[in-house]
N, C-alpha and C. Protein backbone atom coordinates (compact mmCIF):
# COMPACT_ATOMS: atom_id res chain seq x y z
N MET A 1 -37.79 -19.70 -154.32
CA MET A 1 -37.20 -18.49 -153.78
C MET A 1 -38.17 -17.32 -153.94
N ILE A 2 -38.32 -16.52 -152.91
CA ILE A 2 -39.21 -15.38 -152.96
C ILE A 2 -38.47 -14.21 -153.59
N SER A 3 -39.13 -13.58 -154.54
CA SER A 3 -38.53 -12.46 -155.25
C SER A 3 -38.37 -11.27 -154.32
N SER A 4 -37.30 -10.51 -154.51
CA SER A 4 -37.10 -9.29 -153.73
C SER A 4 -37.68 -8.09 -154.46
N THR A 5 -38.26 -8.31 -155.64
CA THR A 5 -38.89 -7.24 -156.39
C THR A 5 -40.16 -6.81 -155.66
N PRO A 6 -40.34 -5.50 -155.43
CA PRO A 6 -41.55 -5.06 -154.75
C PRO A 6 -42.81 -5.48 -155.52
N LEU A 7 -43.84 -5.81 -154.76
CA LEU A 7 -45.10 -6.22 -155.37
C LEU A 7 -45.87 -4.99 -155.83
N LYS A 8 -46.46 -5.07 -157.01
CA LYS A 8 -47.30 -3.98 -157.52
C LYS A 8 -48.70 -4.21 -156.96
N ARG A 9 -49.07 -3.39 -156.01
CA ARG A 9 -50.35 -3.55 -155.33
C ARG A 9 -51.36 -2.60 -155.96
N ALA A 10 -52.57 -3.11 -156.20
CA ALA A 10 -53.65 -2.27 -156.70
C ALA A 10 -53.85 -1.11 -155.71
N PRO A 11 -54.06 0.09 -156.22
CA PRO A 11 -54.22 1.25 -155.31
C PRO A 11 -55.31 1.04 -154.26
N GLU A 12 -56.36 0.33 -154.62
CA GLU A 12 -57.46 0.10 -153.68
C GLU A 12 -57.07 -0.81 -152.53
N LEU A 13 -56.04 -1.62 -152.73
CA LEU A 13 -55.58 -2.53 -151.67
C LEU A 13 -54.41 -1.95 -150.87
N GLN A 14 -53.86 -0.85 -151.33
CA GLN A 14 -52.70 -0.27 -150.65
C GLN A 14 -52.96 0.12 -149.20
N PRO A 15 -54.15 0.68 -148.88
CA PRO A 15 -54.39 0.98 -147.45
C PRO A 15 -54.34 -0.26 -146.56
N LEU A 16 -54.76 -1.41 -147.09
CA LEU A 16 -54.68 -2.65 -146.33
C LEU A 16 -53.22 -3.05 -146.13
N SER A 17 -52.40 -2.81 -147.14
CA SER A 17 -50.97 -3.09 -147.00
C SER A 17 -50.34 -2.16 -145.97
N HIS A 18 -50.84 -0.92 -145.86
CA HIS A 18 -50.35 -0.02 -144.82
C HIS A 18 -50.72 -0.56 -143.44
N ASP A 19 -51.94 -1.11 -143.33
CA ASP A 19 -52.33 -1.75 -142.07
C ASP A 19 -51.35 -2.88 -141.73
N HIS A 20 -51.00 -3.65 -142.74
CA HIS A 20 -50.06 -4.76 -142.53
C HIS A 20 -48.71 -4.24 -142.03
N HIS A 21 -48.28 -3.10 -142.53
CA HIS A 21 -47.02 -2.51 -142.07
C HIS A 21 -47.09 -2.25 -140.56
N HIS A 22 -48.22 -1.74 -140.10
CA HIS A 22 -48.37 -1.48 -138.66
C HIS A 22 -48.39 -2.79 -137.88
N GLY A 23 -48.96 -3.84 -138.46
CA GLY A 23 -48.93 -5.15 -137.82
C GLY A 23 -47.51 -5.67 -137.69
N LEU A 24 -46.70 -5.45 -138.72
CA LEU A 24 -45.29 -5.87 -138.65
C LEU A 24 -44.54 -5.05 -137.60
N GLN A 25 -44.94 -3.80 -137.43
CA GLN A 25 -44.33 -2.98 -136.38
C GLN A 25 -44.68 -3.54 -135.00
N LEU A 26 -45.91 -4.04 -134.83
CA LEU A 26 -46.26 -4.69 -133.56
C LEU A 26 -45.32 -5.85 -133.30
N CYS A 27 -45.06 -6.66 -134.31
CA CYS A 27 -44.15 -7.80 -134.15
C CYS A 27 -42.77 -7.32 -133.71
N TRP A 28 -42.29 -6.27 -134.34
CA TRP A 28 -40.99 -5.70 -133.98
C TRP A 28 -41.00 -5.20 -132.53
N LYS A 29 -42.10 -4.57 -132.12
CA LYS A 29 -42.19 -4.04 -130.75
C LYS A 29 -42.17 -5.19 -129.74
N ILE A 30 -42.83 -6.28 -130.05
CA ILE A 30 -42.80 -7.44 -129.15
C ILE A 30 -41.37 -7.96 -129.05
N ARG A 31 -40.69 -8.13 -130.18
CA ARG A 31 -39.29 -8.62 -130.16
C ARG A 31 -38.41 -7.65 -129.37
N THR A 32 -38.60 -6.36 -129.60
CA THR A 32 -37.79 -5.36 -128.91
C THR A 32 -38.06 -5.40 -127.41
N GLY A 33 -39.33 -5.55 -127.03
CA GLY A 33 -39.67 -5.67 -125.61
C GLY A 33 -38.96 -6.84 -124.96
N PHE A 34 -38.95 -7.99 -125.66
CA PHE A 34 -38.24 -9.15 -125.12
C PHE A 34 -36.74 -8.87 -124.99
N SER A 35 -36.16 -8.25 -126.01
CA SER A 35 -34.71 -8.00 -125.98
C SER A 35 -34.33 -7.03 -124.87
N LYS A 36 -35.26 -6.16 -124.48
CA LYS A 36 -35.02 -5.20 -123.40
C LYS A 36 -35.49 -5.74 -122.05
N GLN A 37 -35.93 -6.99 -122.05
CA GLN A 37 -36.42 -7.66 -120.84
C GLN A 37 -37.55 -6.89 -120.16
N ILE A 38 -38.46 -6.40 -120.99
CA ILE A 38 -39.64 -5.69 -120.50
C ILE A 38 -40.61 -6.71 -119.92
N GLU A 39 -41.28 -6.34 -118.86
CA GLU A 39 -42.27 -7.21 -118.23
C GLU A 39 -43.34 -7.58 -119.26
N PRO A 40 -43.60 -8.88 -119.45
CA PRO A 40 -44.58 -9.32 -120.45
C PRO A 40 -45.97 -8.68 -120.31
N THR A 41 -46.38 -8.32 -119.09
CA THR A 41 -47.70 -7.70 -118.93
C THR A 41 -47.75 -6.34 -119.64
N ARG A 42 -46.63 -5.62 -119.65
CA ARG A 42 -46.59 -4.33 -120.35
C ARG A 42 -46.71 -4.53 -121.86
N ILE A 43 -46.00 -5.51 -122.37
CA ILE A 43 -46.06 -5.80 -123.81
C ILE A 43 -47.47 -6.25 -124.18
N LYS A 44 -48.06 -7.11 -123.35
CA LYS A 44 -49.40 -7.64 -123.63
C LYS A 44 -50.44 -6.52 -123.60
N ARG A 45 -50.29 -5.58 -122.70
CA ARG A 45 -51.23 -4.45 -122.62
C ARG A 45 -51.22 -3.69 -123.95
N TYR A 46 -50.04 -3.43 -124.47
CA TYR A 46 -49.94 -2.74 -125.76
C TYR A 46 -50.50 -3.62 -126.88
N ALA A 47 -50.15 -4.89 -126.90
CA ALA A 47 -50.62 -5.80 -127.95
C ALA A 47 -52.15 -5.87 -127.94
N ASP A 48 -52.74 -5.91 -126.76
CA ASP A 48 -54.20 -5.95 -126.65
C ASP A 48 -54.82 -4.66 -127.20
N TRP A 49 -54.22 -3.52 -126.88
CA TRP A 49 -54.70 -2.25 -127.41
C TRP A 49 -54.64 -2.27 -128.95
N PHE A 50 -53.52 -2.72 -129.48
CA PHE A 50 -53.35 -2.78 -130.93
C PHE A 50 -54.39 -3.71 -131.55
N PHE A 51 -54.60 -4.85 -130.93
CA PHE A 51 -55.57 -5.81 -131.44
C PHE A 51 -56.97 -5.20 -131.50
N GLU A 52 -57.41 -4.60 -130.41
CA GLU A 52 -58.77 -4.04 -130.35
C GLU A 52 -58.96 -2.87 -131.30
N ASN A 53 -57.96 -2.02 -131.42
CA ASN A 53 -58.10 -0.79 -132.19
C ASN A 53 -57.71 -0.90 -133.65
N HIS A 54 -56.88 -1.86 -133.99
CA HIS A 54 -56.39 -1.94 -135.36
C HIS A 54 -56.57 -3.31 -136.01
N LEU A 55 -56.14 -4.33 -135.32
CA LEU A 55 -56.14 -5.66 -135.95
C LEU A 55 -57.54 -6.25 -136.09
N LYS A 56 -58.33 -6.16 -135.05
CA LYS A 56 -59.69 -6.72 -135.11
C LYS A 56 -60.52 -6.06 -136.22
N PRO A 57 -60.56 -4.73 -136.32
CA PRO A 57 -61.30 -4.12 -137.42
C PRO A 57 -60.73 -4.48 -138.80
N HIS A 58 -59.42 -4.64 -138.87
CA HIS A 58 -58.76 -5.03 -140.12
C HIS A 58 -59.21 -6.44 -140.53
N PHE A 59 -59.20 -7.36 -139.59
CA PHE A 59 -59.65 -8.72 -139.88
C PHE A 59 -61.10 -8.73 -140.36
N GLU A 60 -61.95 -7.95 -139.68
CA GLU A 60 -63.37 -7.90 -140.05
C GLU A 60 -63.55 -7.39 -141.48
N LEU A 61 -62.82 -6.36 -141.84
CA LEU A 61 -62.88 -5.81 -143.20
C LEU A 61 -62.43 -6.85 -144.21
N GLU A 62 -61.32 -7.50 -143.93
CA GLU A 62 -60.82 -8.53 -144.86
C GLU A 62 -61.84 -9.65 -145.03
N GLU A 63 -62.38 -10.14 -143.92
CA GLU A 63 -63.28 -11.28 -143.99
C GLU A 63 -64.60 -10.94 -144.69
N LYS A 64 -65.07 -9.74 -144.51
CA LYS A 64 -66.37 -9.36 -145.08
C LYS A 64 -66.26 -8.91 -146.54
N TYR A 65 -65.17 -8.24 -146.91
CA TYR A 65 -65.11 -7.64 -148.24
C TYR A 65 -63.95 -8.09 -149.12
N ILE A 66 -62.86 -8.53 -148.53
CA ILE A 66 -61.69 -8.89 -149.32
C ILE A 66 -61.69 -10.39 -149.62
N PHE A 67 -61.79 -11.19 -148.59
CA PHE A 67 -61.75 -12.64 -148.78
C PHE A 67 -62.91 -13.14 -149.63
N THR A 68 -64.03 -12.43 -149.62
CA THR A 68 -65.21 -12.87 -150.37
C THR A 68 -65.04 -12.72 -151.88
N ILE A 69 -63.97 -12.09 -152.31
CA ILE A 69 -63.70 -11.98 -153.75
C ILE A 69 -63.39 -13.37 -154.33
N LEU A 70 -62.75 -14.21 -153.52
CA LEU A 70 -62.48 -15.59 -153.94
C LEU A 70 -63.56 -16.50 -153.35
N ASP A 71 -63.67 -17.68 -153.87
CA ASP A 71 -64.64 -18.66 -153.39
C ASP A 71 -64.31 -19.05 -151.95
N LYS A 72 -65.34 -19.24 -151.12
CA LYS A 72 -65.11 -19.58 -149.71
C LYS A 72 -64.42 -20.93 -149.55
N GLU A 73 -64.45 -21.75 -150.58
CA GLU A 73 -63.78 -23.05 -150.53
C GLU A 73 -62.34 -22.99 -151.04
N ASP A 74 -61.92 -21.82 -151.50
CA ASP A 74 -60.54 -21.64 -151.97
C ASP A 74 -59.58 -21.91 -150.81
N GLU A 75 -58.53 -22.68 -151.06
CA GLU A 75 -57.58 -23.04 -150.01
C GLU A 75 -56.89 -21.81 -149.40
N LEU A 76 -56.64 -20.78 -150.20
CA LEU A 76 -56.01 -19.57 -149.66
C LEU A 76 -56.94 -18.87 -148.68
N ILE A 77 -58.22 -18.84 -149.01
CA ILE A 77 -59.20 -18.21 -148.12
C ILE A 77 -59.34 -19.03 -146.83
N LYS A 78 -59.40 -20.33 -146.97
CA LYS A 78 -59.48 -21.19 -145.78
C LYS A 78 -58.28 -20.95 -144.87
N ARG A 79 -57.10 -20.85 -145.47
CA ARG A 79 -55.90 -20.60 -144.68
C ARG A 79 -55.97 -19.23 -144.00
N GLY A 80 -56.36 -18.20 -144.74
CA GLY A 80 -56.46 -16.86 -144.17
C GLY A 80 -57.43 -16.81 -143.00
N LEU A 81 -58.58 -17.44 -143.15
CA LEU A 81 -59.58 -17.47 -142.08
C LEU A 81 -59.08 -18.26 -140.87
N ALA A 82 -58.41 -19.38 -141.12
CA ALA A 82 -57.87 -20.18 -140.02
C ALA A 82 -56.81 -19.40 -139.24
N GLU A 83 -55.99 -18.66 -139.97
CA GLU A 83 -54.96 -17.86 -139.30
C GLU A 83 -55.59 -16.72 -138.50
N HIS A 84 -56.63 -16.08 -139.03
CA HIS A 84 -57.33 -15.05 -138.26
C HIS A 84 -57.88 -15.64 -136.97
N SER A 85 -58.50 -16.80 -137.08
CA SER A 85 -59.08 -17.46 -135.90
C SER A 85 -58.00 -17.77 -134.86
N ARG A 86 -56.88 -18.31 -135.32
CA ARG A 86 -55.79 -18.65 -134.41
C ARG A 86 -55.23 -17.39 -133.74
N LEU A 87 -55.07 -16.32 -134.51
CA LEU A 87 -54.56 -15.07 -133.94
C LEU A 87 -55.57 -14.48 -132.94
N ASN A 88 -56.85 -14.52 -133.27
CA ASN A 88 -57.87 -14.05 -132.31
C ASN A 88 -57.73 -14.80 -131.00
N SER A 89 -57.57 -16.11 -131.06
CA SER A 89 -57.43 -16.93 -129.85
C SER A 89 -56.17 -16.56 -129.07
N LEU A 90 -55.08 -16.33 -129.78
CA LEU A 90 -53.84 -15.96 -129.11
C LEU A 90 -53.97 -14.63 -128.38
N PHE A 91 -54.63 -13.66 -129.01
CA PHE A 91 -54.79 -12.36 -128.35
C PHE A 91 -55.72 -12.46 -127.13
N GLU A 92 -56.63 -13.42 -127.13
CA GLU A 92 -57.53 -13.61 -125.99
C GLU A 92 -56.85 -14.34 -124.83
N GLU A 93 -55.74 -15.01 -125.10
CA GLU A 93 -55.02 -15.78 -124.07
C GLU A 93 -54.46 -14.82 -123.02
N THR A 94 -54.65 -15.18 -121.75
CA THR A 94 -54.19 -14.32 -120.66
C THR A 94 -53.15 -14.99 -119.76
N SER A 95 -52.80 -16.22 -120.05
CA SER A 95 -51.78 -16.90 -119.25
C SER A 95 -50.57 -17.19 -120.12
N TYR A 96 -49.48 -17.56 -119.49
CA TYR A 96 -48.23 -17.86 -120.20
C TYR A 96 -47.88 -16.73 -121.17
N LEU A 97 -47.87 -15.51 -120.65
CA LEU A 97 -47.75 -14.33 -121.51
C LEU A 97 -46.52 -14.33 -122.40
N GLU A 98 -45.39 -14.73 -121.87
CA GLU A 98 -44.18 -14.70 -122.70
C GLU A 98 -44.31 -15.64 -123.89
N LYS A 99 -44.78 -16.83 -123.63
CA LYS A 99 -44.97 -17.81 -124.70
C LYS A 99 -46.05 -17.32 -125.69
N THR A 100 -47.14 -16.81 -125.16
CA THR A 100 -48.23 -16.32 -126.00
C THR A 100 -47.77 -15.16 -126.88
N LEU A 101 -47.07 -14.21 -126.29
CA LEU A 101 -46.57 -13.07 -127.07
C LEU A 101 -45.60 -13.53 -128.15
N GLY A 102 -44.76 -14.51 -127.83
CA GLY A 102 -43.84 -15.05 -128.83
C GLY A 102 -44.59 -15.67 -129.99
N ARG A 103 -45.67 -16.38 -129.69
CA ARG A 103 -46.48 -16.98 -130.76
C ARG A 103 -47.20 -15.92 -131.57
N ILE A 104 -47.74 -14.89 -130.89
CA ILE A 104 -48.39 -13.78 -131.61
C ILE A 104 -47.40 -13.17 -132.59
N GLU A 105 -46.21 -12.88 -132.11
CA GLU A 105 -45.19 -12.23 -132.95
C GLU A 105 -44.88 -13.08 -134.18
N LYS A 106 -44.63 -14.35 -133.99
CA LYS A 106 -44.27 -15.23 -135.11
C LYS A 106 -45.44 -15.46 -136.06
N GLU A 107 -46.62 -15.76 -135.49
CA GLU A 107 -47.76 -16.09 -136.33
C GLU A 107 -48.33 -14.87 -137.05
N LEU A 108 -48.32 -13.71 -136.40
CA LEU A 108 -48.81 -12.50 -137.06
C LEU A 108 -47.89 -12.12 -138.22
N GLU A 109 -46.59 -12.19 -137.99
CA GLU A 109 -45.66 -11.85 -139.08
C GLU A 109 -45.82 -12.81 -140.25
N ALA A 110 -45.91 -14.11 -139.97
CA ALA A 110 -46.08 -15.10 -141.04
C ALA A 110 -47.41 -14.87 -141.78
N HIS A 111 -48.45 -14.54 -141.03
CA HIS A 111 -49.77 -14.29 -141.64
C HIS A 111 -49.72 -13.08 -142.56
N ILE A 112 -49.12 -12.02 -142.11
CA ILE A 112 -49.03 -10.80 -142.93
C ILE A 112 -48.22 -11.08 -144.20
N ARG A 113 -47.12 -11.80 -144.07
CA ARG A 113 -46.31 -12.13 -145.25
C ARG A 113 -47.12 -12.97 -146.24
N PHE A 114 -47.91 -13.94 -145.72
CA PHE A 114 -48.77 -14.76 -146.58
C PHE A 114 -49.79 -13.90 -147.31
N GLU A 115 -50.46 -13.02 -146.57
CA GLU A 115 -51.46 -12.18 -147.22
C GLU A 115 -50.83 -11.29 -148.27
N GLU A 116 -49.74 -10.66 -147.95
CA GLU A 116 -49.11 -9.73 -148.89
C GLU A 116 -48.53 -10.42 -150.12
N ARG A 117 -47.88 -11.54 -149.92
CA ARG A 117 -47.16 -12.19 -151.02
C ARG A 117 -48.01 -13.16 -151.83
N VAL A 118 -49.03 -13.75 -151.19
CA VAL A 118 -49.79 -14.81 -151.85
C VAL A 118 -51.26 -14.43 -152.00
N LEU A 119 -51.95 -14.27 -150.88
CA LEU A 119 -53.40 -14.10 -150.90
C LEU A 119 -53.83 -12.82 -151.62
N PHE A 120 -53.24 -11.68 -151.27
CA PHE A 120 -53.64 -10.44 -151.92
C PHE A 120 -53.28 -10.43 -153.39
N ALA A 121 -52.19 -11.07 -153.75
CA ALA A 121 -51.82 -11.16 -155.17
C ALA A 121 -52.91 -11.89 -155.95
N GLU A 122 -53.44 -12.96 -155.38
CA GLU A 122 -54.50 -13.73 -156.03
C GLU A 122 -55.81 -12.94 -156.05
N ILE A 123 -56.14 -12.31 -154.95
CA ILE A 123 -57.36 -11.50 -154.88
C ILE A 123 -57.29 -10.37 -155.90
N GLN A 124 -56.15 -9.74 -155.99
CA GLN A 124 -55.96 -8.64 -156.93
C GLN A 124 -56.19 -9.09 -158.37
N LYS A 125 -55.76 -10.31 -158.68
CA LYS A 125 -55.96 -10.84 -160.04
C LYS A 125 -57.43 -11.11 -160.33
N MET A 126 -58.19 -11.52 -159.32
CA MET A 126 -59.57 -11.95 -159.51
C MET A 126 -60.61 -10.84 -159.31
N ALA A 127 -60.25 -9.78 -158.62
CA ALA A 127 -61.21 -8.74 -158.27
C ALA A 127 -61.67 -7.96 -159.50
N THR A 128 -62.95 -7.65 -159.49
CA THR A 128 -63.50 -6.78 -160.54
C THR A 128 -63.24 -5.33 -160.16
N ALA A 129 -63.39 -4.44 -161.10
CA ALA A 129 -63.23 -3.01 -160.83
C ALA A 129 -64.24 -2.56 -159.78
N GLU A 130 -65.45 -3.11 -159.83
CA GLU A 130 -66.49 -2.75 -158.87
C GLU A 130 -66.10 -3.20 -157.45
N GLN A 131 -65.54 -4.39 -157.35
CA GLN A 131 -65.13 -4.89 -156.03
C GLN A 131 -64.00 -4.03 -155.46
N LEU A 132 -63.06 -3.67 -156.29
CA LEU A 132 -61.95 -2.82 -155.83
C LEU A 132 -62.46 -1.44 -155.40
N THR A 133 -63.40 -0.90 -156.15
CA THR A 133 -63.98 0.39 -155.79
C THR A 133 -64.68 0.30 -154.44
N LYS A 134 -65.42 -0.78 -154.21
CA LYS A 134 -66.12 -0.98 -152.93
C LYS A 134 -65.11 -1.06 -151.77
N ILE A 135 -64.02 -1.77 -151.98
CA ILE A 135 -62.98 -1.87 -150.95
C ILE A 135 -62.43 -0.49 -150.63
N ASN A 136 -62.17 0.27 -151.67
CA ASN A 136 -61.63 1.62 -151.51
C ASN A 136 -62.59 2.50 -150.71
N GLU A 137 -63.88 2.35 -150.94
CA GLU A 137 -64.89 3.14 -150.24
C GLU A 137 -64.99 2.73 -148.77
N LEU A 138 -64.82 1.44 -148.49
CA LEU A 138 -65.02 0.91 -147.14
C LEU A 138 -63.83 1.12 -146.21
N HIS A 139 -62.64 1.09 -146.77
CA HIS A 139 -61.45 1.19 -145.91
C HIS A 139 -61.19 2.65 -145.60
N THR A 140 -61.24 2.97 -144.34
CA THR A 140 -60.96 4.34 -143.94
C THR A 140 -59.46 4.58 -144.04
N SER A 141 -59.11 5.70 -144.56
CA SER A 141 -57.69 6.02 -144.71
C SER A 141 -57.22 6.90 -143.55
N GLU A 142 -57.67 6.54 -142.36
CA GLU A 142 -57.26 7.28 -141.18
C GLU A 142 -55.77 7.09 -140.93
N VAL A 143 -55.16 8.12 -140.44
CA VAL A 143 -53.75 8.05 -140.09
C VAL A 143 -53.62 7.21 -138.82
N PHE A 144 -52.64 6.33 -138.81
CA PHE A 144 -52.40 5.49 -137.63
C PHE A 144 -52.01 6.38 -136.46
N VAL A 145 -52.71 6.21 -135.35
CA VAL A 145 -52.42 6.96 -134.13
C VAL A 145 -51.84 5.98 -133.12
N GLU A 146 -50.62 6.24 -132.73
CA GLU A 146 -49.90 5.36 -131.81
C GLU A 146 -50.40 5.54 -130.38
N ASN A 147 -50.38 4.46 -129.63
CA ASN A 147 -50.66 4.49 -128.20
C ASN A 147 -49.32 4.74 -127.51
N GLU A 148 -49.17 5.91 -126.93
CA GLU A 148 -47.90 6.28 -126.32
C GLU A 148 -47.94 6.28 -124.80
N GLU A 149 -48.90 5.52 -124.24
CA GLU A 149 -48.98 5.44 -122.78
C GLU A 149 -47.75 4.75 -122.19
N ASP A 150 -47.22 3.77 -122.89
CA ASP A 150 -46.06 3.00 -122.40
C ASP A 150 -45.24 2.57 -123.62
N VAL A 151 -44.29 3.40 -124.00
CA VAL A 151 -43.48 3.11 -125.19
C VAL A 151 -42.26 2.27 -124.80
N PHE A 152 -42.52 1.06 -124.36
CA PHE A 152 -41.49 0.15 -123.87
C PHE A 152 -40.43 -0.18 -124.91
N TRP A 153 -40.72 -0.02 -126.18
CA TRP A 153 -39.81 -0.38 -127.26
C TRP A 153 -38.75 0.68 -127.52
N LYS A 154 -38.89 1.86 -126.91
CA LYS A 154 -37.91 2.94 -127.16
C LYS A 154 -36.74 2.84 -126.22
């Protein structure tokens, strides 16, 4: 059973958790778009914008500076990298949009939950103070700016 107690996240990793919150919002927007019977091309346009502007840079930061805290042969790291690869492929898919968006929504949410509940907890235990400081320096704490060209979820 997963505990409902909030996870104590190292301050240096908290901005990454904020990124994850925005990723979960993307999942919600996809579900909401489906429930409102929004044309899948509109939802995909937004999802692609989110991927290029937020998710892709987030993945790059994780892969270069966060995942490297653990051994590259660690099963959690292998899983995280495999999920990033699968999500990258899904966002590149341009056919069967409804099915693809449904998979993005489910797989992205599951991936974020895995990182927050399992992978980051392990990384946090293993990271040195120097590694956490480096992460803090590298992650920009820019305020999330929403794309309001087509707010189909409202």
